[in-house]
ModelCIF file with pLDDT and N, C-alpha, C, O atoms, coordinates in Angstrom:
data_MODEL
#
_entry.id   MODEL 
#
_entity.id                         1 
_entity.type                       polymer 
_entity.pdbx_number_of_molecules   1 
#
_entity_poly.entity_id                      1 
_entity_poly.type                           'polypeptide(L)' 
_entity_poly.nstd_linkage                   no 
_entity_poly.nstd_monomer                   no 
_entity_poly.pdbx_seq_one_letter_code       
;(UNK)(UNK)(UNK)(UNK)(UNK)(UNK)(UNK)(UNK)(UNK)(UNK)(UNK)(UNK)(UNK)(UNK)(UNK)(UNK)
(UNK)(UNK)(UNK)(UNK)(UNK)(UNK)(UNK)(UNK)(UNK)(UNK)(UNK)(UNK)(UNK)(UNK)(UNK)(UNK)
(UNK)(UNK)(UNK)(UNK)(UNK)(UNK)(UNK)(UNK)(UNK)(UNK)(UNK)(UNK)
;
_entity_poly.pdbx_seq_one_letter_code_can   XXXXXXXXXXXXXXXXXXXXXXXXXXXXXXXXXXXXXXXXXXXX 
_entity_poly.pdbx_strand_id                 A 
#
loop_
_entity_poly_seq.entity_id 
_entity_poly_seq.num 
_entity_poly_seq.mon_id 
_entity_poly_seq.hetero 
1 1  UNK n 
1 2  UNK n 
1 3  UNK n 
1 4  UNK n 
1 5  UNK n 
1 6  UNK n 
1 7  UNK n 
1 8  UNK n 
1 9  UNK n 
1 10 UNK n 
1 11 UNK n 
1 12 UNK n 
1 13 UNK n 
1 14 UNK n 
1 15 UNK n 
1 16 UNK n 
1 17 UNK n 
1 18 UNK n 
1 19 UNK n 
1 20 UNK n 
1 21 UNK n 
1 22 UNK n 
1 23 UNK n 
1 24 UNK n 
1 25 UNK n 
1 26 UNK n 
1 27 UNK n 
1 28 UNK n 
1 29 UNK n 
1 30 UNK n 
1 31 UNK n 
1 32 UNK n 
1 33 UNK n 
1 34 UNK n 
1 35 UNK n 
1 36 UNK n 
1 37 UNK n 
1 38 UNK n 
1 39 UNK n 
1 40 UNK n 
1 41 UNK n 
1 42 UNK n 
1 43 UNK n 
1 44 UNK n 
#
_struct_asym.id          A 
_struct_asym.entity_id   1 
#
loop_
_ma_qa_metric.id 
_ma_qa_metric.mode 
_ma_qa_metric.name 
_ma_qa_metric.software_group_id 
_ma_qa_metric.type 
1 global pLDDT . pLDDT 
2 local  pLDDT . pLDDT 
#
_ma_qa_metric_global.metric_id      1 
_ma_qa_metric_global.metric_value   95.39 
_ma_qa_metric_global.model_id       1 
_ma_qa_metric_global.ordinal_id     1 
#
loop_
_ma_qa_metric_local.label_asym_id 
_ma_qa_metric_local.label_comp_id 
_ma_qa_metric_local.label_seq_id 
_ma_qa_metric_local.metric_id 
_ma_qa_metric_local.metric_value 
_ma_qa_metric_local.model_id 
_ma_qa_metric_local.ordinal_id 
A UNK 1  2 98.00 1 1  
A UNK 2  2 98.00 1 2  
A UNK 3  2 98.00 1 3  
A UNK 4  2 98.00 1 4  
A UNK 5  2 98.00 1 5  
A UNK 6  2 98.00 1 6  
A UNK 7  2 97.00 1 7  
A UNK 8  2 97.00 1 8  
A UNK 9  2 97.00 1 9  
A UNK 10 2 98.00 1 10 
A UNK 11 2 97.00 1 11 
A UNK 12 2 96.00 1 12 
A UNK 13 2 96.00 1 13 
A UNK 14 2 93.00 1 14 
A UNK 15 2 94.00 1 15 
A UNK 16 2 89.00 1 16 
A UNK 17 2 89.00 1 17 
A UNK 18 2 87.00 1 18 
A UNK 19 2 90.00 1 19 
A UNK 20 2 90.00 1 20 
A UNK 21 2 93.00 1 21 
A UNK 22 2 95.00 1 22 
A UNK 23 2 95.00 1 23 
A UNK 24 2 96.00 1 24 
A UNK 25 2 97.00 1 25 
A UNK 26 2 97.00 1 26 
A UNK 27 2 97.00 1 27 
A UNK 28 2 97.00 1 28 
A UNK 29 2 96.00 1 29 
A UNK 30 2 97.00 1 30 
A UNK 31 2 97.00 1 31 
A UNK 32 2 95.00 1 32 
A UNK 33 2 94.00 1 33 
A UNK 34 2 94.00 1 34 
A UNK 35 2 94.00 1 35 
A UNK 36 2 93.00 1 36 
A UNK 37 2 96.00 1 37 
A UNK 38 2 96.00 1 38 
A UNK 39 2 97.00 1 39 
A UNK 40 2 97.00 1 40 
A UNK 41 2 96.00 1 41 
A UNK 42 2 97.00 1 42 
A UNK 43 2 97.00 1 43 
A UNK 44 2 96.00 1 44 
#
loop_
_atom_site.group_PDB 
_atom_site.id 
_atom_site.type_symbol 
_atom_site.label_atom_id 
_atom_site.label_alt_id 
_atom_site.label_comp_id 
_atom_site.label_asym_id 
_atom_site.label_entity_id 
_atom_site.label_seq_id 
_atom_site.pdbx_PDB_ins_code 
_atom_site.Cartn_x 
_atom_site.Cartn_y 
_atom_site.Cartn_z 
_atom_site.occupancy 
_atom_site.B_iso_or_equiv 
_atom_site.pdbx_formal_charge 
_atom_site.auth_seq_id 
_atom_site.auth_comp_id 
_atom_site.auth_asym_id 
_atom_site.auth_atom_id 
_atom_site.pdbx_PDB_model_num 
ATOM 1   N N  . UNK A 1 1  ? 38.179 41.937 -64.700 1.00 98.00 ? 1  UNK A N  1 
ATOM 2   C CA . UNK A 1 1  ? 37.048 43.122 -64.755 1.00 98.00 ? 1  UNK A CA 1 
ATOM 3   C C  . UNK A 1 1  ? 36.835 42.979 -63.789 1.00 98.00 ? 1  UNK A C  1 
ATOM 4   O O  . UNK A 1 1  ? 37.463 42.441 -62.877 1.00 98.00 ? 1  UNK A O  1 
ATOM 5   N N  . UNK A 1 2  ? 35.139 43.830 -63.888 1.00 98.00 ? 2  UNK A N  1 
ATOM 6   C CA . UNK A 1 2  ? 34.070 43.397 -63.471 1.00 98.00 ? 2  UNK A CA 1 
ATOM 7   C C  . UNK A 1 2  ? 32.855 44.197 -63.079 1.00 98.00 ? 2  UNK A C  1 
ATOM 8   O O  . UNK A 1 2  ? 33.133 45.361 -62.789 1.00 98.00 ? 2  UNK A O  1 
ATOM 9   N N  . UNK A 1 3  ? 31.363 43.824 -62.979 1.00 98.00 ? 3  UNK A N  1 
ATOM 10  C CA . UNK A 1 3  ? 30.542 44.515 -63.463 1.00 98.00 ? 3  UNK A CA 1 
ATOM 11  C C  . UNK A 1 3  ? 30.036 45.964 -61.953 1.00 98.00 ? 3  UNK A C  1 
ATOM 12  O O  . UNK A 1 3  ? 29.854 46.187 -60.756 1.00 98.00 ? 3  UNK A O  1 
ATOM 13  N N  . UNK A 1 4  ? 30.053 46.309 -62.858 1.00 98.00 ? 4  UNK A N  1 
ATOM 14  C CA . UNK A 1 4  ? 30.378 48.568 -62.256 1.00 98.00 ? 4  UNK A CA 1 
ATOM 15  C C  . UNK A 1 4  ? 29.076 48.520 -61.837 1.00 98.00 ? 4  UNK A C  1 
ATOM 16  O O  . UNK A 1 4  ? 28.780 49.694 -61.618 1.00 98.00 ? 4  UNK A O  1 
ATOM 17  N N  . UNK A 1 5  ? 27.866 47.630 -61.535 1.00 98.00 ? 5  UNK A N  1 
ATOM 18  C CA . UNK A 1 5  ? 26.896 47.323 -61.319 1.00 98.00 ? 5  UNK A CA 1 
ATOM 19  C C  . UNK A 1 5  ? 27.339 46.701 -60.306 1.00 98.00 ? 5  UNK A C  1 
ATOM 20  O O  . UNK A 1 5  ? 28.373 46.853 -59.656 1.00 98.00 ? 5  UNK A O  1 
ATOM 21  N N  . UNK A 1 6  ? 26.488 45.987 -60.213 1.00 98.00 ? 6  UNK A N  1 
ATOM 22  C CA . UNK A 1 6  ? 27.035 44.456 -58.529 1.00 98.00 ? 6  UNK A CA 1 
ATOM 23  C C  . UNK A 1 6  ? 28.548 44.432 -57.737 1.00 98.00 ? 6  UNK A C  1 
ATOM 24  O O  . UNK A 1 6  ? 28.911 44.622 -56.577 1.00 98.00 ? 6  UNK A O  1 
ATOM 25  N N  . UNK A 1 7  ? 29.499 43.950 -59.548 1.00 97.00 ? 7  UNK A N  1 
ATOM 26  C CA . UNK A 1 7  ? 30.843 44.766 -57.978 1.00 97.00 ? 7  UNK A CA 1 
ATOM 27  C C  . UNK A 1 7  ? 31.077 42.435 -58.510 1.00 97.00 ? 7  UNK A C  1 
ATOM 28  O O  . UNK A 1 7  ? 31.862 41.773 -57.831 1.00 97.00 ? 7  UNK A O  1 
ATOM 29  N N  . UNK A 1 8  ? 30.409 41.869 -59.476 1.00 97.00 ? 8  UNK A N  1 
ATOM 30  C CA . UNK A 1 8  ? 31.131 40.497 -59.988 1.00 97.00 ? 8  UNK A CA 1 
ATOM 31  C C  . UNK A 1 8  ? 32.121 40.258 -60.092 1.00 97.00 ? 8  UNK A C  1 
ATOM 32  O O  . UNK A 1 8  ? 32.398 40.947 -61.074 1.00 97.00 ? 8  UNK A O  1 
ATOM 33  N N  . UNK A 1 9  ? 33.349 39.568 -59.725 1.00 97.00 ? 9  UNK A N  1 
ATOM 34  C CA . UNK A 1 9  ? 34.706 39.268 -60.919 1.00 97.00 ? 9  UNK A CA 1 
ATOM 35  C C  . UNK A 1 9  ? 33.699 38.731 -61.782 1.00 97.00 ? 9  UNK A C  1 
ATOM 36  O O  . UNK A 1 9  ? 32.577 38.225 -61.800 1.00 97.00 ? 9  UNK A O  1 
ATOM 37  N N  . UNK A 1 10 ? 35.108 39.263 -62.816 1.00 98.00 ? 10 UNK A N  1 
ATOM 38  C CA . UNK A 1 10 ? 34.203 38.210 -64.302 1.00 98.00 ? 10 UNK A CA 1 
ATOM 39  C C  . UNK A 1 10 ? 34.663 37.327 -64.542 1.00 98.00 ? 10 UNK A C  1 
ATOM 40  O O  . UNK A 1 10 ? 34.277 36.163 -64.644 1.00 98.00 ? 10 UNK A O  1 
ATOM 41  N N  . UNK A 1 11 ? 36.441 38.290 -64.770 1.00 97.00 ? 11 UNK A N  1 
ATOM 42  C CA . UNK A 1 11 ? 36.852 37.414 -65.960 1.00 97.00 ? 11 UNK A CA 1 
ATOM 43  C C  . UNK A 1 11 ? 38.561 38.222 -66.432 1.00 97.00 ? 11 UNK A C  1 
ATOM 44  O O  . UNK A 1 11 ? 38.564 39.277 -67.065 1.00 97.00 ? 11 UNK A O  1 
ATOM 45  N N  . UNK A 1 12 ? 39.753 37.601 -66.050 1.00 96.00 ? 12 UNK A N  1 
ATOM 46  C CA . UNK A 1 12 ? 41.172 38.142 -65.908 1.00 96.00 ? 12 UNK A CA 1 
ATOM 47  C C  . UNK A 1 12 ? 41.486 37.914 -67.531 1.00 96.00 ? 12 UNK A C  1 
ATOM 48  O O  . UNK A 1 12 ? 41.611 36.768 -67.961 1.00 96.00 ? 12 UNK A O  1 
ATOM 49  N N  . UNK A 1 13 ? 41.546 38.482 -67.959 1.00 96.00 ? 13 UNK A N  1 
ATOM 50  C CA . UNK A 1 13 ? 42.419 38.744 -69.671 1.00 96.00 ? 13 UNK A CA 1 
ATOM 51  C C  . UNK A 1 13 ? 43.810 38.944 -69.998 1.00 96.00 ? 13 UNK A C  1 
ATOM 52  O O  . UNK A 1 13 ? 44.353 39.486 -69.035 1.00 96.00 ? 13 UNK A O  1 
ATOM 53  N N  . UNK A 1 14 ? 44.471 38.776 -70.770 1.00 93.00 ? 14 UNK A N  1 
ATOM 54  C CA . UNK A 1 14 ? 45.693 38.930 -71.578 1.00 93.00 ? 14 UNK A CA 1 
ATOM 55  C C  . UNK A 1 14 ? 45.702 39.921 -71.784 1.00 93.00 ? 14 UNK A C  1 
ATOM 56  O O  . UNK A 1 14 ? 44.490 40.069 -71.934 1.00 93.00 ? 14 UNK A O  1 
ATOM 57  N N  . UNK A 1 15 ? 46.294 41.298 -72.014 1.00 94.00 ? 15 UNK A N  1 
ATOM 58  C CA . UNK A 1 15 ? 46.402 42.008 -72.268 1.00 94.00 ? 15 UNK A CA 1 
ATOM 59  C C  . UNK A 1 15 ? 47.803 42.045 -73.542 1.00 94.00 ? 15 UNK A C  1 
ATOM 60  O O  . UNK A 1 15 ? 47.630 42.409 -74.705 1.00 94.00 ? 15 UNK A O  1 
ATOM 61  N N  . UNK A 1 16 ? 48.967 41.639 -73.041 1.00 89.00 ? 16 UNK A N  1 
ATOM 62  C CA . UNK A 1 16 ? 50.078 41.601 -73.900 1.00 89.00 ? 16 UNK A CA 1 
ATOM 63  C C  . UNK A 1 16 ? 50.583 41.365 -75.711 1.00 89.00 ? 16 UNK A C  1 
ATOM 64  O O  . UNK A 1 16 ? 50.042 40.596 -76.507 1.00 89.00 ? 16 UNK A O  1 
ATOM 65  N N  . UNK A 1 17 ? 51.198 41.849 -75.850 1.00 89.00 ? 17 UNK A N  1 
ATOM 66  C CA . UNK A 1 17 ? 51.544 41.394 -77.376 1.00 89.00 ? 17 UNK A CA 1 
ATOM 67  C C  . UNK A 1 17 ? 51.692 39.770 -77.650 1.00 89.00 ? 17 UNK A C  1 
ATOM 68  O O  . UNK A 1 17 ? 51.462 39.109 -76.638 1.00 89.00 ? 17 UNK A O  1 
ATOM 69  N N  . UNK A 1 18 ? 51.945 39.197 -78.527 1.00 87.00 ? 18 UNK A N  1 
ATOM 70  C CA . UNK A 1 18 ? 51.651 37.065 -78.570 1.00 87.00 ? 18 UNK A CA 1 
ATOM 71  C C  . UNK A 1 18 ? 50.941 36.793 -78.807 1.00 87.00 ? 18 UNK A C  1 
ATOM 72  O O  . UNK A 1 18 ? 49.984 37.420 -79.260 1.00 87.00 ? 18 UNK A O  1 
ATOM 73  N N  . UNK A 1 19 ? 51.098 35.440 -78.563 1.00 90.00 ? 19 UNK A N  1 
ATOM 74  C CA . UNK A 1 19 ? 49.658 34.464 -79.315 1.00 90.00 ? 19 UNK A CA 1 
ATOM 75  C C  . UNK A 1 19 ? 48.724 34.146 -77.737 1.00 90.00 ? 19 UNK A C  1 
ATOM 76  O O  . UNK A 1 19 ? 47.775 33.362 -77.777 1.00 90.00 ? 19 UNK A O  1 
ATOM 77  N N  . UNK A 1 20 ? 48.994 34.624 -76.818 1.00 90.00 ? 20 UNK A N  1 
ATOM 78  C CA . UNK A 1 20 ? 48.280 34.580 -75.703 1.00 90.00 ? 20 UNK A CA 1 
ATOM 79  C C  . UNK A 1 20 ? 47.284 36.021 -75.658 1.00 90.00 ? 20 UNK A C  1 
ATOM 80  O O  . UNK A 1 20 ? 46.124 35.792 -75.316 1.00 90.00 ? 20 UNK A O  1 
ATOM 81  N N  . UNK A 1 21 ? 47.508 36.997 -75.865 1.00 93.00 ? 21 UNK A N  1 
ATOM 82  C CA . UNK A 1 21 ? 46.629 38.132 -75.714 1.00 93.00 ? 21 UNK A CA 1 
ATOM 83  C C  . UNK A 1 21 ? 45.456 37.784 -76.438 1.00 93.00 ? 21 UNK A C  1 
ATOM 84  O O  . UNK A 1 21 ? 45.380 36.986 -77.372 1.00 93.00 ? 21 UNK A O  1 
ATOM 85  N N  . UNK A 1 22 ? 44.672 38.365 -75.991 1.00 95.00 ? 22 UNK A N  1 
ATOM 86  C CA . UNK A 1 22 ? 42.827 37.816 -75.773 1.00 95.00 ? 22 UNK A CA 1 
ATOM 87  C C  . UNK A 1 22 ? 42.229 37.136 -74.233 1.00 95.00 ? 22 UNK A C  1 
ATOM 88  O O  . UNK A 1 22 ? 41.380 37.156 -73.343 1.00 95.00 ? 22 UNK A O  1 
ATOM 89  N N  . UNK A 1 23 ? 43.426 36.566 -74.774 1.00 95.00 ? 23 UNK A N  1 
ATOM 90  C CA . UNK A 1 23 ? 42.733 35.524 -74.089 1.00 95.00 ? 23 UNK A CA 1 
ATOM 91  C C  . UNK A 1 23 ? 42.277 35.147 -72.434 1.00 95.00 ? 23 UNK A C  1 
ATOM 92  O O  . UNK A 1 23 ? 43.103 35.290 -71.533 1.00 95.00 ? 23 UNK A O  1 
ATOM 93  N N  . UNK A 1 24 ? 41.366 34.828 -72.254 1.00 96.00 ? 24 UNK A N  1 
ATOM 94  C CA . UNK A 1 24 ? 40.472 34.869 -70.714 1.00 96.00 ? 24 UNK A CA 1 
ATOM 95  C C  . UNK A 1 24 ? 40.714 33.664 -69.878 1.00 96.00 ? 24 UNK A C  1 
ATOM 96  O O  . UNK A 1 24 ? 41.211 32.635 -70.337 1.00 96.00 ? 24 UNK A O  1 
ATOM 97  N N  . UNK A 1 25 ? 40.347 33.817 -68.628 1.00 97.00 ? 25 UNK A N  1 
ATOM 98  C CA . UNK A 1 25 ? 40.174 32.878 -68.064 1.00 97.00 ? 25 UNK A CA 1 
ATOM 99  C C  . UNK A 1 25 ? 38.806 33.771 -67.083 1.00 97.00 ? 25 UNK A C  1 
ATOM 100 O O  . UNK A 1 25 ? 38.857 34.410 -66.032 1.00 97.00 ? 25 UNK A O  1 
ATOM 101 N N  . UNK A 1 26 ? 37.638 33.424 -68.040 1.00 97.00 ? 26 UNK A N  1 
ATOM 102 C CA . UNK A 1 26 ? 36.622 33.026 -67.070 1.00 97.00 ? 26 UNK A CA 1 
ATOM 103 C C  . UNK A 1 26 ? 35.720 32.566 -65.412 1.00 97.00 ? 26 UNK A C  1 
ATOM 104 O O  . UNK A 1 26 ? 36.034 31.423 -65.079 1.00 97.00 ? 26 UNK A O  1 
ATOM 105 N N  . UNK A 1 27 ? 34.851 33.161 -64.539 1.00 97.00 ? 27 UNK A N  1 
ATOM 106 C CA . UNK A 1 27 ? 35.036 33.096 -63.017 1.00 97.00 ? 27 UNK A CA 1 
ATOM 107 C C  . UNK A 1 27 ? 33.837 31.938 -63.894 1.00 97.00 ? 27 UNK A C  1 
ATOM 108 O O  . UNK A 1 27 ? 33.198 31.879 -64.945 1.00 97.00 ? 27 UNK A O  1 
ATOM 109 N N  . UNK A 1 28 ? 34.074 31.168 -62.681 1.00 97.00 ? 28 UNK A N  1 
ATOM 110 C CA . UNK A 1 28 ? 33.816 29.485 -62.969 1.00 97.00 ? 28 UNK A CA 1 
ATOM 111 C C  . UNK A 1 28 ? 31.782 29.458 -62.044 1.00 97.00 ? 28 UNK A C  1 
ATOM 112 O O  . UNK A 1 28 ? 30.824 28.703 -62.210 1.00 97.00 ? 28 UNK A O  1 
ATOM 113 N N  . UNK A 1 29 ? 31.992 30.643 -61.184 1.00 96.00 ? 29 UNK A N  1 
ATOM 114 C CA . UNK A 1 29 ? 30.654 30.958 -60.678 1.00 96.00 ? 29 UNK A CA 1 
ATOM 115 C C  . UNK A 1 29 ? 30.125 31.640 -61.642 1.00 96.00 ? 29 UNK A C  1 
ATOM 116 O O  . UNK A 1 29 ? 28.980 31.365 -61.283 1.00 96.00 ? 29 UNK A O  1 
ATOM 117 N N  . UNK A 1 30 ? 29.961 32.279 -62.536 1.00 97.00 ? 30 UNK A N  1 
ATOM 118 C CA . UNK A 1 30 ? 29.826 33.052 -63.075 1.00 97.00 ? 30 UNK A CA 1 
ATOM 119 C C  . UNK A 1 30 ? 28.624 32.248 -64.049 1.00 97.00 ? 30 UNK A C  1 
ATOM 120 O O  . UNK A 1 30 ? 27.548 32.800 -64.281 1.00 97.00 ? 30 UNK A O  1 
ATOM 121 N N  . UNK A 1 31 ? 29.035 30.578 -64.694 1.00 97.00 ? 31 UNK A N  1 
ATOM 122 C CA . UNK A 1 31 ? 28.358 29.985 -65.436 1.00 97.00 ? 31 UNK A CA 1 
ATOM 123 C C  . UNK A 1 31 ? 26.862 29.235 -64.432 1.00 97.00 ? 31 UNK A C  1 
ATOM 124 O O  . UNK A 1 31 ? 26.880 28.841 -63.266 1.00 97.00 ? 31 UNK A O  1 
ATOM 125 N N  . UNK A 1 32 ? 25.627 29.255 -65.473 1.00 95.00 ? 32 UNK A N  1 
ATOM 126 C CA . UNK A 1 32 ? 24.622 29.404 -65.399 1.00 95.00 ? 32 UNK A CA 1 
ATOM 127 C C  . UNK A 1 32 ? 24.205 28.605 -64.658 1.00 95.00 ? 32 UNK A C  1 
ATOM 128 O O  . UNK A 1 32 ? 23.400 28.597 -63.727 1.00 95.00 ? 32 UNK A O  1 
ATOM 129 N N  . UNK A 1 33 ? 25.175 27.522 -65.422 1.00 94.00 ? 33 UNK A N  1 
ATOM 130 C CA . UNK A 1 33 ? 25.573 25.772 -65.040 1.00 94.00 ? 33 UNK A CA 1 
ATOM 131 C C  . UNK A 1 33 ? 26.887 24.643 -65.102 1.00 94.00 ? 33 UNK A C  1 
ATOM 132 O O  . UNK A 1 33 ? 27.357 23.814 -65.881 1.00 94.00 ? 33 UNK A O  1 
ATOM 133 N N  . UNK A 1 34 ? 27.071 25.050 -64.108 1.00 94.00 ? 34 UNK A N  1 
ATOM 134 C CA . UNK A 1 34 ? 28.544 24.525 -63.746 1.00 94.00 ? 34 UNK A CA 1 
ATOM 135 C C  . UNK A 1 34 ? 28.598 23.097 -63.581 1.00 94.00 ? 34 UNK A C  1 
ATOM 136 O O  . UNK A 1 34 ? 29.689 22.564 -63.377 1.00 94.00 ? 34 UNK A O  1 
ATOM 137 N N  . UNK A 1 35 ? 27.403 22.328 -63.654 1.00 94.00 ? 35 UNK A N  1 
ATOM 138 C CA . UNK A 1 35 ? 27.520 20.691 -63.894 1.00 94.00 ? 35 UNK A CA 1 
ATOM 139 C C  . UNK A 1 35 ? 28.787 20.251 -64.676 1.00 94.00 ? 35 UNK A C  1 
ATOM 140 O O  . UNK A 1 35 ? 29.068 21.129 -65.491 1.00 94.00 ? 35 UNK A O  1 
ATOM 141 N N  . UNK A 1 36 ? 29.656 19.201 -64.722 1.00 93.00 ? 36 UNK A N  1 
ATOM 142 C CA . UNK A 1 36 ? 30.019 18.969 -65.650 1.00 93.00 ? 36 UNK A CA 1 
ATOM 143 C C  . UNK A 1 36 ? 31.645 19.251 -65.755 1.00 93.00 ? 36 UNK A C  1 
ATOM 144 O O  . UNK A 1 36 ? 32.436 18.633 -66.467 1.00 93.00 ? 36 UNK A O  1 
ATOM 145 N N  . UNK A 1 37 ? 31.995 20.570 -64.676 1.00 96.00 ? 37 UNK A N  1 
ATOM 146 C CA . UNK A 1 37 ? 33.322 20.614 -65.303 1.00 96.00 ? 37 UNK A CA 1 
ATOM 147 C C  . UNK A 1 37 ? 33.972 20.417 -64.547 1.00 96.00 ? 37 UNK A C  1 
ATOM 148 O O  . UNK A 1 37 ? 33.525 20.799 -63.466 1.00 96.00 ? 37 UNK A O  1 
ATOM 149 N N  . UNK A 1 38 ? 35.086 19.889 -64.484 1.00 96.00 ? 38 UNK A N  1 
ATOM 150 C CA . UNK A 1 38 ? 36.348 19.638 -63.874 1.00 96.00 ? 38 UNK A CA 1 
ATOM 151 C C  . UNK A 1 38 ? 37.655 20.717 -62.987 1.00 96.00 ? 38 UNK A C  1 
ATOM 152 O O  . UNK A 1 38 ? 38.435 21.606 -63.326 1.00 96.00 ? 38 UNK A O  1 
ATOM 153 N N  . UNK A 1 39 ? 37.413 20.230 -62.128 1.00 97.00 ? 39 UNK A N  1 
ATOM 154 C CA . UNK A 1 39 ? 38.867 20.757 -61.838 1.00 97.00 ? 39 UNK A CA 1 
ATOM 155 C C  . UNK A 1 39 ? 39.974 20.037 -61.891 1.00 97.00 ? 39 UNK A C  1 
ATOM 156 O O  . UNK A 1 39 ? 40.062 19.033 -61.184 1.00 97.00 ? 39 UNK A O  1 
ATOM 157 N N  . UNK A 1 40 ? 41.251 20.506 -62.928 1.00 97.00 ? 40 UNK A N  1 
ATOM 158 C CA . UNK A 1 40 ? 42.350 20.405 -63.599 1.00 97.00 ? 40 UNK A CA 1 
ATOM 159 C C  . UNK A 1 40 ? 43.391 20.554 -63.106 1.00 97.00 ? 40 UNK A C  1 
ATOM 160 O O  . UNK A 1 40 ? 44.250 19.680 -63.217 1.00 97.00 ? 40 UNK A O  1 
ATOM 161 N N  . UNK A 1 41 ? 43.515 21.194 -62.723 1.00 96.00 ? 41 UNK A N  1 
ATOM 162 C CA . UNK A 1 41 ? 44.179 22.992 -62.508 1.00 96.00 ? 41 UNK A CA 1 
ATOM 163 C C  . UNK A 1 41 ? 44.199 23.066 -61.821 1.00 96.00 ? 41 UNK A C  1 
ATOM 164 O O  . UNK A 1 41 ? 43.218 22.886 -61.100 1.00 96.00 ? 41 UNK A O  1 
ATOM 165 N N  . UNK A 1 42 ? 45.554 23.465 -61.343 1.00 97.00 ? 42 UNK A N  1 
ATOM 166 C CA . UNK A 1 42 ? 46.362 24.721 -60.278 1.00 97.00 ? 42 UNK A CA 1 
ATOM 167 C C  . UNK A 1 42 ? 47.076 25.408 -60.219 1.00 97.00 ? 42 UNK A C  1 
ATOM 168 O O  . UNK A 1 42 ? 48.071 24.751 -59.914 1.00 97.00 ? 42 UNK A O  1 
ATOM 169 N N  . UNK A 1 43 ? 47.484 26.861 -60.330 1.00 97.00 ? 43 UNK A N  1 
ATOM 170 C CA . UNK A 1 43 ? 48.191 27.630 -60.372 1.00 97.00 ? 43 UNK A CA 1 
ATOM 171 C C  . UNK A 1 43 ? 48.131 28.462 -58.865 1.00 97.00 ? 43 UNK A C  1 
ATOM 172 O O  . UNK A 1 43 ? 47.461 28.838 -57.903 1.00 97.00 ? 43 UNK A O  1 
ATOM 173 N N  . UNK A 1 44 ? 49.772 28.379 -59.731 1.00 96.00 ? 44 UNK A N  1 
ATOM 174 C CA . UNK A 1 44 ? 50.262 29.266 -57.399 1.00 96.00 ? 44 UNK A CA 1 
ATOM 175 C C  . UNK A 1 44 ? 50.033 28.710 -57.010 1.00 96.00 ? 44 UNK A C  1 
ATOM 176 O O  . UNK A 1 44 ? 50.100 28.746 -55.781 1.00 96.00 ? 44 UNK A O  1 
#
């Protein structure tokens, strides 16, 4: 997803039926205060 006004990338959302349907991965850069958020995982 993206903002249709400014183009910002917003979130990646799982859509397939199953236990993770609707789960999102929201861009950290969108946080008003990203302090205290630790990088714990790298994928791909």
